[in-house]
C-alpha atoms as a PDB file:
ATOM      1  CA  MET A   1     -47.509  19.737  47.498  1.00  0.00           C
ATOM      2  CA  LYS A   2     -50.979  21.254  47.293  1.00  0.00           C
ATOM      3  CA  LEU A   3     -51.098  24.758  45.834  1.00  0.00           C
ATOM      4  CA  MET A   4     -54.194  26.955  45.971  1.00  0.00           C
ATOM      5  CA  ARG A   5     -55.378  30.528  45.733  1.00  0.00           C
ATOM      6  CA  TYR A   6     -57.967  32.191  47.926  1.00  0.00           C
ATOM      7  CA  GLY A   7     -59.869  35.442  48.162  1.00  0.00           C
ATOM      8  CA  ALA A   8     -62.333  37.554  46.195  1.00  0.00           C
ATOM      9  CA  LYS A   9     -62.187  37.742  42.409  1.00  0.00           C
ATOM     10  CA  GLY A  10     -59.413  40.077  41.366  1.00  0.00           C
ATOM     11  CA  ALA A  11     -57.784  39.968  44.808  1.00  0.00           C
ATOM     12  CA  GLU A  12     -56.669  36.343  45.036  1.00  0.00           C
ATOM     13  CA  LYS A  13     -53.702  35.373  47.178  1.00  0.00           C
ATOM     14  CA  PRO A  14     -51.384  32.359  46.821  1.00  0.00           C
ATOM     15  CA  ALA A  15     -51.239  29.598  49.408  1.00  0.00           C
ATOM     16  CA  LEU A  16     -50.242  26.024  50.003  1.00  0.00           C
ATOM     17  CA  VAL A  17     -51.900  23.347  52.086  1.00  0.00           C
ATOM     18  CA  ASP A  18     -49.542  21.644  54.524  1.00  0.00           C
ATOM     19  CA  ALA A  19     -49.509  17.971  55.516  1.00  0.00           C
ATOM     20  CA  GLN A  20     -52.007  18.646  58.295  1.00  0.00           C
ATOM     21  CA  GLY A  21     -54.465  20.325  55.939  1.00  0.00           C
ATOM     22  CA  VAL A  22     -53.677  23.836  57.198  1.00  0.00           C
ATOM     23  CA  VAL A  23     -53.752  26.633  54.614  1.00  0.00           C
ATOM     24  CA  ARG A  24     -50.484  28.612  54.625  1.00  0.00           C
ATOM     25  CA  ASP A  25     -50.135  31.998  52.957  1.00  0.00           C
ATOM     26  CA  LEU A  26     -47.477  32.323  50.249  1.00  0.00           C
ATOM     27  CA  SER A  27     -47.795  36.074  49.684  1.00  0.00           C
ATOM     28  CA  GLY A  28     -44.395  36.697  51.265  1.00  0.00           C
ATOM     29  CA  VAL A  29     -42.783  34.295  48.809  1.00  0.00           C
ATOM     30  CA  LEU A  30     -44.502  35.159  45.533  1.00  0.00           C
ATOM     31  CA  PRO A  31     -47.283  37.589  44.569  1.00  0.00           C
ATOM     32  CA  ASP A  32     -49.442  34.942  42.879  1.00  0.00           C
ATOM     33  CA  ILE A  33     -49.411  31.376  41.594  1.00  0.00           C
ATOM     34  CA  THR A  34     -49.111  31.943  37.876  1.00  0.00           C
ATOM     35  CA  ALA A  35     -48.349  29.765  34.875  1.00  0.00           C
ATOM     36  CA  ALA A  36     -44.668  30.595  35.395  1.00  0.00           C
ATOM     37  CA  SER A  37     -44.919  29.285  38.973  1.00  0.00           C
ATOM     38  CA  LEU A  38     -45.661  25.820  37.571  1.00  0.00           C
ATOM     39  CA  ALA A  39     -42.264  25.420  35.907  1.00  0.00           C
ATOM     40  CA  PRO A  40     -40.150  22.649  37.491  1.00  0.00           C
ATOM     41  CA  HIS A  41     -37.597  25.005  39.050  1.00  0.00           C
ATOM     42  CA  SER A  42     -40.341  27.189  40.533  1.00  0.00           C
ATOM     43  CA  LEU A  43     -42.163  24.207  42.029  1.00  0.00           C
ATOM     44  CA  GLN A  44     -38.900  22.935  43.472  1.00  0.00           C
ATOM     45  CA  ARG A  45     -38.331  26.279  45.161  1.00  0.00           C
ATOM     46  CA  LEU A  46     -41.748  26.001  46.802  1.00  0.00           C
ATOM     47  CA  ARG A  47     -41.080  22.395  47.884  1.00  0.00           C
ATOM     48  CA  GLU A  48     -37.981  23.564  49.724  1.00  0.00           C
ATOM     49  CA  LEU A  49     -40.014  25.907  51.929  1.00  0.00           C
ATOM     50  CA  ASN A  50     -40.778  24.920  55.496  1.00  0.00           C
ATOM     51  CA  PRO A  51     -44.587  25.305  55.674  1.00  0.00           C
ATOM     52  CA  ALA A  52     -44.410  25.887  59.415  1.00  0.00           C
ATOM     53  CA  THR A  53     -42.686  29.228  58.749  1.00  0.00           C
ATOM     54  CA  LEU A  54     -45.578  30.498  56.622  1.00  0.00           C
ATOM     55  CA  PRO A  55     -48.545  32.394  58.096  1.00  0.00           C
ATOM     56  CA  VAL A  56     -51.690  30.381  58.794  1.00  0.00           C
ATOM     57  CA  VAL A  57     -54.811  31.443  56.906  1.00  0.00           C
ATOM     58  CA  ALA A  58     -57.531  30.860  59.482  1.00  0.00           C
ATOM     59  CA  ASP A  59     -60.434  31.676  57.174  1.00  0.00           C
ATOM     60  CA  PRO A  60     -59.504  31.523  53.481  1.00  0.00           C
ATOM     61  CA  GLY A  61     -63.027  32.431  52.365  1.00  0.00           C
ATOM     62  CA  ARG A  62     -63.506  31.893  48.652  1.00  0.00           C
ATOM     63  CA  THR A  63     -61.331  29.219  47.033  1.00  0.00           C
ATOM     64  CA  ALA A  64     -60.158  30.550  43.673  1.00  0.00           C
ATOM     65  CA  PRO A  65     -58.783  28.573  40.716  1.00  0.00           C
ATOM     66  CA  PRO A  66     -55.417  27.203  41.908  1.00  0.00           C
ATOM     67  CA  TRP A  67     -53.340  29.190  39.414  1.00  0.00           C
ATOM     68  CA  SER A  68     -53.763  32.196  37.147  1.00  0.00           C
ATOM     69  CA  GLY A  69     -52.714  32.532  33.531  1.00  0.00           C
ATOM     70  CA  CYS A  70     -54.345  29.452  32.035  1.00  0.00           C
ATOM     71  CA  ALA A  71     -54.198  30.061  28.281  1.00  0.00           C
ATOM     72  CA  LYS A  72     -55.866  26.881  27.004  1.00  0.00           C
ATOM     73  CA  PHE A  73     -58.645  24.767  28.554  1.00  0.00           C
ATOM     74  CA  ILE A  74     -58.642  21.615  26.438  1.00  0.00           C
ATOM     75  CA  CYS A  75     -61.099  18.772  26.995  1.00  0.00           C
ATOM     76  CA  VAL A  76     -61.325  15.155  25.931  1.00  0.00           C
ATOM     77  CA  GLY A  77     -64.716  13.682  25.087  1.00  0.00           C
ATOM     78  CA  LEU A  78     -65.955  10.105  25.387  1.00  0.00           C
ATOM     79  CA  ASN A  79     -62.771   8.957  27.124  1.00  0.00           C
ATOM     80  CA  TYR A  80     -64.505   6.304  29.234  1.00  0.00           C
ATOM     81  CA  ALA A  81     -66.057   3.464  27.249  1.00  0.00           C
ATOM     82  CA  ASP A  82     -69.078   3.173  29.548  1.00  0.00           C
ATOM     83  CA  HIS A  83     -69.757   6.906  29.244  1.00  0.00           C
ATOM     84  CA  ALA A  84     -69.628   6.599  25.447  1.00  0.00           C
ATOM     85  CA  ALA A  85     -72.168   3.782  25.733  1.00  0.00           C
ATOM     86  CA  GLU A  86     -74.587   5.822  27.858  1.00  0.00           C
ATOM     87  CA  SER A  87     -74.232   8.629  25.297  1.00  0.00           C
ATOM     88  CA  ASN A  88     -75.137   6.162  22.502  1.00  0.00           C
ATOM     89  CA  LEU A  89     -71.852   6.908  20.773  1.00  0.00           C
ATOM     90  CA  PRO A  90     -69.009   4.604  19.710  1.00  0.00           C
ATOM     91  CA  VAL A  91     -65.749   4.453  21.607  1.00  0.00           C
ATOM     92  CA  PRO A  92     -63.462   6.778  19.645  1.00  0.00           C
ATOM     93  CA  ALA A  93     -60.453   5.443  17.773  1.00  0.00           C
ATOM     94  CA  GLU A  94     -58.550   8.650  18.614  1.00  0.00           C
ATOM     95  CA  PRO A  95     -59.114  11.179  21.381  1.00  0.00           C
ATOM     96  CA  VAL A  96     -62.038  13.552  20.794  1.00  0.00           C
ATOM     97  CA  LEU A  97     -60.863  17.097  21.547  1.00  0.00           C
ATOM     98  CA  PHE A  98     -62.818  20.276  22.223  1.00  0.00           C
ATOM     99  CA  THR A  99     -62.216  23.436  24.217  1.00  0.00           C
ATOM    100  CA  LYS A 100     -63.867  25.277  27.040  1.00  0.00           C
ATOM    101  CA  THR A 101     -63.632  29.062  27.124  1.00  0.00           C
ATOM    102  CA  LEU A 102     -61.466  30.729  29.736  1.00  0.00           C
ATOM    103  CA  SER A 103     -64.583  32.542  30.975  1.00  0.00           C
ATOM    104  CA  SER A 104     -65.959  29.143  31.983  1.00  0.00           C
ATOM    105  CA  LEU A 105     -63.080  28.642  34.436  1.00  0.00           C
ATOM    106  CA  VAL A 106     -64.098  29.453  38.026  1.00  0.00           C
ATOM    107  CA  GLY A 107     -63.238  28.440  41.564  1.00  0.00           C
ATOM    108  CA  CYS A 108     -64.272  25.050  42.852  1.00  0.00           C
ATOM    109  CA  ASN A 109     -67.128  26.358  45.008  1.00  0.00           C
ATOM    110  CA  ASP A 110     -68.198  29.328  42.895  1.00  0.00           C
ATOM    111  CA  PRO A 111     -71.808  29.486  41.650  1.00  0.00           C
ATOM    112  CA  VAL A 112     -72.694  27.569  38.497  1.00  0.00           C
ATOM    113  CA  VAL A 113     -75.001  29.823  36.492  1.00  0.00           C
ATOM    114  CA  LEU A 114     -77.229  28.294  33.838  1.00  0.00           C
ATOM    115  CA  PRO A 115     -77.415  30.344  30.622  1.00  0.00           C
ATOM    116  CA  GLN A 116     -80.686  31.929  29.556  1.00  0.00           C
ATOM    117  CA  GLY A 117     -83.189  29.311  28.441  1.00  0.00           C
ATOM    118  CA  SER A 118     -81.081  26.377  29.616  1.00  0.00           C
ATOM    119  CA  VAL A 119     -83.068  23.194  30.257  1.00  0.00           C
ATOM    120  CA  LYS A 120     -80.398  20.491  29.861  1.00  0.00           C
ATOM    121  CA  GLY A 121     -77.557  21.415  32.201  1.00  0.00           C
ATOM    122  CA  ASP A 122     -75.381  18.437  33.127  1.00  0.00           C
ATOM    123  CA  TRP A 123     -72.409  17.460  35.271  1.00  0.00           C
ATOM    124  CA  GLU A 124     -69.108  15.649  34.606  1.00  0.00           C
ATOM    125  CA  VAL A 125     -66.417  14.954  37.200  1.00  0.00           C
ATOM    126  CA  GLU A 126     -63.024  14.839  35.482  1.00  0.00           C
ATOM    127  CA  LEU A 127     -59.308  14.642  36.195  1.00  0.00           C
ATOM    128  CA  GLY A 128     -57.530  17.846  35.209  1.00  0.00           C
ATOM    129  CA  VAL A 129     -53.913  17.748  34.017  1.00  0.00           C
ATOM    130  CA  VAL A 130     -51.901  20.950  34.440  1.00  0.00           C
ATOM    131  CA  ILE A 131     -48.944  21.515  32.130  1.00  0.00           C
ATOM    132  CA  GLY A 132     -45.699  22.759  33.677  1.00  0.00           C
ATOM    133  CA  THR A 133     -43.224  22.610  30.790  1.00  0.00           C
ATOM    134  CA  LYS A 134     -43.695  23.593  27.153  1.00  0.00           C
ATOM    135  CA  ALA A 135     -44.678  20.447  25.252  1.00  0.00           C
ATOM    136  CA  ARG A 136     -44.512  20.045  21.485  1.00  0.00           C
ATOM    137  CA  TYR A 137     -44.438  16.625  19.775  1.00  0.00           C
ATOM    138  CA  VAL A 138     -43.517  14.866  23.001  1.00  0.00           C
ATOM    139  CA  SER A 139     -43.384  11.087  23.180  1.00  0.00           C
ATOM    140  CA  GLU A 140     -45.822   9.126  25.302  1.00  0.00           C
ATOM    141  CA  ALA A 141     -42.871   7.752  27.274  1.00  0.00           C
ATOM    142  CA  ASP A 142     -41.786  11.287  28.247  1.00  0.00           C
ATOM    143  CA  ALA A 143     -45.194  12.949  28.445  1.00  0.00           C
ATOM    144  CA  LEU A 144     -45.674  12.904  32.221  1.00  0.00           C
ATOM    145  CA  LYS A 145     -42.417  14.855  32.623  1.00  0.00           C
ATOM    146  CA  PHE A 146     -44.269  17.864  31.201  1.00  0.00           C
ATOM    147  CA  VAL A 147     -47.049  17.718  33.817  1.00  0.00           C
ATOM    148  CA  ALA A 148     -46.889  20.090  36.791  1.00  0.00           C
ATOM    149  CA  GLY A 149     -49.815  18.553  38.635  1.00  0.00           C
ATOM    150  CA  TYR A 150     -53.417  17.463  38.762  1.00  0.00           C
ATOM    151  CA  CYS A 151     -56.747  18.880  39.881  1.00  0.00           C
ATOM    152  CA  VAL A 152     -60.489  18.228  39.980  1.00  0.00           C
ATOM    153  CA  VAL A 153     -62.603  19.633  37.131  1.00  0.00           C
ATOM    154  CA  ASN A 154     -66.379  19.731  36.763  1.00  0.00           C
ATOM    155  CA  ASP A 155     -67.002  19.839  33.015  1.00  0.00           C
ATOM    156  CA  VAL A 156     -70.476  21.362  33.329  1.00  0.00           C
ATOM    157  CA  SER A 157     -72.369  21.055  30.045  1.00  0.00           C
ATOM    158  CA  GLU A 158     -75.565  22.230  28.364  1.00  0.00           C
ATOM    159  CA  ARG A 159     -76.648  19.214  26.329  1.00  0.00           C
ATOM    160  CA  GLU A 160     -79.159  21.014  24.115  1.00  0.00           C
ATOM    161  CA  TYR A 161     -76.527  23.541  23.110  1.00  0.00           C
ATOM    162  CA  GLN A 162     -73.902  20.816  22.739  1.00  0.00           C
ATOM    163  CA  ILE A 163     -75.884  18.270  20.721  1.00  0.00           C
ATOM    164  CA  GLU A 164     -79.063  19.779  19.311  1.00  0.00           C
ATOM    165  CA  ARG A 165     -77.952  23.206  18.080  1.00  0.00           C
ATOM    166  CA  GLY A 166     -75.579  22.114  15.315  1.00  0.00           C
ATOM    167  CA  GLY A 167     -71.872  22.725  14.884  1.00  0.00           C
ATOM    168  CA  THR A 168     -69.272  21.753  17.455  1.00  0.00           C
ATOM    169  CA  TRP A 169     -69.664  20.774  21.088  1.00  0.00           C
ATOM    170  CA  ASP A 170     -68.028  23.986  22.264  1.00  0.00           C
ATOM    171  CA  LYS A 171     -71.212  26.051  22.500  1.00  0.00           C
ATOM    172  CA  GLY A 172     -72.576  23.682  25.153  1.00  0.00           C
ATOM    173  CA  LYS A 173     -69.302  23.467  27.055  1.00  0.00           C
ATOM    174  CA  GLY A 174     -67.937  26.997  27.275  1.00  0.00           C
ATOM    175  CA  CYS A 175     -70.752  28.866  29.023  1.00  0.00           C
ATOM    176  CA  ASP A 176     -69.686  31.199  31.829  1.00  0.00           C
ATOM    177  CA  THR A 177     -69.009  29.306  35.108  1.00  0.00           C
ATOM    178  CA  PHE A 178     -69.093  25.897  33.366  1.00  0.00           C
ATOM    179  CA  GLY A 179     -65.532  24.959  34.384  1.00  0.00           C
ATOM    180  CA  PRO A 180     -65.046  24.800  38.166  1.00  0.00           C
ATOM    181  CA  VAL A 181     -61.426  23.846  38.943  1.00  0.00           C
ATOM    182  CA  GLY A 182     -59.686  22.962  42.201  1.00  0.00           C
ATOM    183  CA  PRO A 183     -59.608  23.274  45.175  1.00  0.00           C
ATOM    184  CA  TRP A 184     -55.912  22.599  44.715  1.00  0.00           C
ATOM    185  CA  MET A 185     -53.328  21.782  42.134  1.00  0.00           C
ATOM    186  CA  VAL A 186     -51.557  18.751  43.566  1.00  0.00           C
ATOM    187  CA  SER A 187     -48.003  18.520  42.252  1.00  0.00           C
ATOM    188  CA  ALA A 188     -47.232  15.529  40.079  1.00  0.00           C
ATOM    189  CA  ASP A 189     -44.745  14.057  42.550  1.00  0.00           C
ATOM    190  CA  GLU A 190     -47.665  13.408  44.918  1.00  0.00           C
ATOM    191  CA  VAL A 191     -49.619  11.540  42.232  1.00  0.00           C
ATOM    192  CA  PRO A 192     -47.356   8.629  41.284  1.00  0.00           C
ATOM    193  CA  ASP A 193     -50.002   7.010  39.057  1.00  0.00           C
ATOM    194  CA  PRO A 194     -52.706   9.260  37.576  1.00  0.00           C
ATOM    195  CA  GLN A 195     -54.433   6.120  36.262  1.00  0.00           C
ATOM    196  CA  GLN A 196     -55.402   4.892  39.744  1.00  0.00           C
ATOM    197  CA  LEU A 197     -57.616   7.694  41.076  1.00  0.00           C
ATOM    198  CA  ALA A 198     -61.136   7.104  42.364  1.00  0.00           C
ATOM    199  CA  MET A 199     -63.679   9.797  41.479  1.00  0.00           C
ATOM    200  CA  TRP A 200     -67.292  10.569  42.358  1.00  0.00           C
ATOM    201  CA  LEU A 201     -70.062  13.141  41.983  1.00  0.00           C
ATOM    202  CA  ASP A 202     -73.317  13.716  43.908  1.00  0.00           C
ATOM    203  CA  VAL A 203     -76.319  15.866  42.996  1.00  0.00           C
ATOM    204  CA  ASN A 204     -78.539  16.868  45.913  1.00  0.00           C
ATOM    205  CA  GLY A 205     -76.951  14.157  48.041  1.00  0.00           C
ATOM    206  CA  GLN A 206     -77.539  11.355  45.503  1.00  0.00           C
ATOM    207  CA  ARG A 207     -74.520   9.573  44.096  1.00  0.00           C
ATOM    208  CA  MET A 208     -74.587  10.002  40.328  1.00  0.00           C
ATOM    209  CA  GLN A 209     -71.043   9.159  39.234  1.00  0.00           C
ATOM    210  CA  THR A 210     -68.583   6.639  40.610  1.00  0.00           C
ATOM    211  CA  GLY A 211     -65.490   5.884  38.581  1.00  0.00           C
ATOM    212  CA  ASN A 212     -61.745   5.487  38.431  1.00  0.00           C
ATOM    213  CA  THR A 213     -59.187   6.915  36.046  1.00  0.00           C
ATOM    214  CA  ARG A 214     -57.888   3.398  35.361  1.00  0.00           C
ATOM    215  CA  THR A 215     -60.852   2.886  32.995  1.00  0.00           C
ATOM    216  CA  MET A 216     -59.903   5.753  30.664  1.00  0.00           C
ATOM    217  CA  VAL A 217     -59.771   4.801  26.992  1.00  0.00           C
ATOM    218  CA  PHE A 218     -56.688   7.016  26.549  1.00  0.00           C
ATOM    219  CA  GLY A 219     -54.490   7.575  29.598  1.00  0.00           C
ATOM    220  CA  VAL A 220     -52.902  10.841  30.684  1.00  0.00           C
ATOM    221  CA  ALA A 221     -49.528  10.175  29.056  1.00  0.00           C
ATOM    222  CA  HIS A 222     -51.173   9.317  25.743  1.00  0.00           C
ATOM    223  CA  LEU A 223     -53.340  12.436  25.881  1.00  0.00           C
ATOM    224  CA  VAL A 224     -50.458  14.826  26.590  1.00  0.00           C
ATOM    225  CA  SER A 225     -48.423  13.302  23.787  1.00  0.00           C
ATOM    226  CA  TYR A 226     -51.359  13.248  21.371  1.00  0.00           C
ATOM    227  CA  ILE A 227     -52.490  16.820  22.017  1.00  0.00           C
ATOM    228  CA  SER A 228     -48.912  18.101  21.702  1.00  0.00           C
ATOM    229  CA  ARG A 229     -48.955  16.957  18.072  1.00  0.00           C
ATOM    230  CA  PHE A 230     -51.721  19.419  17.248  1.00  0.00           C
ATOM    231  CA  MET A 231     -50.825  22.411  19.412  1.00  0.00           C
ATOM    232  CA  THR A 232     -47.985  23.519  21.634  1.00  0.00           C
ATOM    233  CA  LEU A 233     -48.856  23.094  25.284  1.00  0.00           C
ATOM    234  CA  TYR A 234     -47.550  25.807  27.606  1.00  0.00           C
ATOM    235  CA  PRO A 235     -47.237  26.043  31.392  1.00  0.00           C
ATOM    236  CA  GLY A 236     -50.651  26.724  32.879  1.00  0.00           C
ATOM    237  CA  ASP A 237     -52.571  24.984  30.107  1.00  0.00           C
ATOM    238  CA  LEU A 238     -55.244  22.619  31.433  1.00  0.00           C
ATOM    239  CA  ILE A 239     -56.381  19.307  29.955  1.00  0.00           C
ATOM    240  CA  SER A 240     -59.633  17.843  31.266  1.00  0.00           C
ATOM    241  CA  THR A 241     -59.506  14.137  30.544  1.00  0.00           C
ATOM    242  CA  GLY A 242     -63.107  12.932  30.282  1.00  0.00           C
ATOM    243  CA  THR A 243     -65.778  11.622  32.606  1.00  0.00           C
ATOM    244  CA  PRO A 244     -66.970   8.209  33.806  1.00  0.00           C
ATOM    245  CA  PRO A 245     -70.620   7.154  33.400  1.00  0.00           C
ATOM    246  CA  GLY A 246     -73.483   8.616  35.413  1.00  0.00           C
ATOM    247  CA  VAL A 247     -74.093  11.952  33.716  1.00  0.00           C
ATOM    248  CA  GLY A 248     -77.626  13.335  33.717  1.00  0.00           C
ATOM    249  CA  MET A 249     -78.092  12.818  30.003  1.00  0.00           C
ATOM    250  CA  GLY A 250     -77.527   9.088  30.435  1.00  0.00           C
ATOM    251  CA  ARG A 251     -79.877   8.480  33.367  1.00  0.00           C
ATOM    252  CA  LYS A 252     -82.471   5.752  32.856  1.00  0.00           C
ATOM    253  CA  PRO A 253     -85.383   5.614  32.262  1.00  0.00           C
ATOM    254  CA  HIS A 254     -85.314   9.398  31.805  1.00  0.00           C
ATOM    255  CA  PRO A 255     -82.503  11.969  31.690  1.00  0.00           C
ATOM    256  CA  VAL A 256     -82.053  14.224  34.718  1.00  0.00           C
ATOM    257  CA  TYR A 257     -80.828  17.771  34.232  1.00  0.00           C
ATOM    258  CA  LEU A 258     -79.661  20.551  36.522  1.00  0.00           C
ATOM    259  CA  LYS A 259     -82.091  23.158  37.776  1.00  0.00           C
ATOM    260  CA  PRO A 260     -81.664  26.239  39.968  1.00  0.00           C
ATOM    261  CA  GLY A 261     -81.128  25.281  43.591  1.00  0.00           C
ATOM    262  CA  ASP A 262     -79.422  21.977  42.847  1.00  0.00           C
ATOM    263  CA  GLU A 263     -76.164  21.256  44.638  1.00  0.00           C
ATOM    264  CA  MET A 264     -73.250  19.323  43.179  1.00  0.00           C
ATOM    265  CA  ARG A 265     -70.493  17.753  45.255  1.00  0.00           C
ATOM    266  CA  LEU A 266     -67.615  15.961  43.592  1.00  0.00           C
ATOM    267  CA  GLY A 267     -64.093  14.843  44.225  1.00  0.00           C
ATOM    268  CA  ILE A 268     -61.092  12.768  43.223  1.00  0.00           C
ATOM    269  CA  ALA A 269     -58.956  10.790  45.666  1.00  0.00           C
ATOM    270  CA  GLY A 270     -56.089  12.934  46.925  1.00  0.00           C
ATOM    271  CA  LEU A 271     -57.095  15.968  44.866  1.00  0.00           C
ATOM    272  CA  GLY A 272     -59.842  17.413  47.057  1.00  0.00           C
ATOM    273  CA  GLU A 273     -63.547  18.110  46.725  1.00  0.00           C
ATOM    274  CA  GLN A 274     -65.782  20.704  45.093  1.00  0.00           C
ATOM    275  CA  HIS A 275     -69.236  22.007  46.004  1.00  0.00           C
ATOM    276  CA  GLN A 276     -71.342  24.143  43.671  1.00  0.00           C
ATOM    277  CA  ARG A 277     -74.867  25.496  43.877  1.00  0.00           C
ATOM    278  CA  VAL A 278     -76.741  25.898  40.590  1.00  0.00           C
ATOM    279  CA  HIS A 279     -78.368  29.252  39.823  1.00  0.00           C
ATOM    280  CA  ALA A 280     -80.680  30.637  37.183  1.00  0.00           C
ATOM    281  CA  TRP A 281     -79.205  33.231  34.842  1.00  0.00           C
ATOM    282  CA  ASP A 282     -77.850  36.157  36.837  1.00  0.00           C
ATOM    283  CA  PRO A 283     -74.880  38.078  35.423  1.00  0.00           C
ATOM    284  CA  ALA A 284     -74.096  39.486  38.860  1.00  0.00           C
ATOM    285  CA  LEU A 285     -73.103  35.993  40.002  1.00  0.00           C
ATOM    286  CA  ILE A 286     -70.702  35.772  37.085  1.00  0.00           C
ATOM    287  CA  ASP A 287     -69.130  39.192  37.264  1.00  0.00           C
ATOM    288  CA  ASN A 288     -68.731  39.564  41.038  1.00  0.00           C
END
């Protein structure tokens, strides 16, 4: 089951995508896809619907984040050994955790707006894991039972802010619009093995990243279990699981960074594709 939301900011509507790729409106079933909608019993109720009975959305317009009410946007750094190598950093012995702000979370095709003075904007295609059941000190063997579904994330980064300005990584990760998510949340039953998903990212039509989740240092089940030891995970929380090699910072012989007018396209097998245009600082693109 592919769940999505569509429409202008502040007026999003719930929908699902049927087996033929047709967007079907869910407004008559529930007012919105919220964190509570991701609970197992709520997802089962939606699975039991006959999509053919739901209205067709001929022109969805803007694709919004697939659910509302995300309370935590947790990220894992250096979770692909070859990405750690291109970053000139050792493969971590334990998962490296940081957070992105909720104001970074935007729709999959919304504008990416570089902050004032940004000169080292970068891209990172990542598998997103959406929690559906409260998880606290869960075992690795049981961890996937707490997952509602999966999505595509672009962990957009500002490397100067992240690396050269001191302190934690968060200041280079949580800028407004730096967390495009979607287009869909694909329910976990449609992703039998989250460690066998091909992923890619292009900038201006040039393939920059090609990878597969099978090369993660720490797999999804390990990450859910590990993170649940440090914080309670609630329905709607999002874990972004790291990126394969090919980021701009690691390009040889010289790094390549985002500039206004650049276009990013990225996707993960079975989870859909994103397309963002990069813009210079303009608060109107953030607020509207």
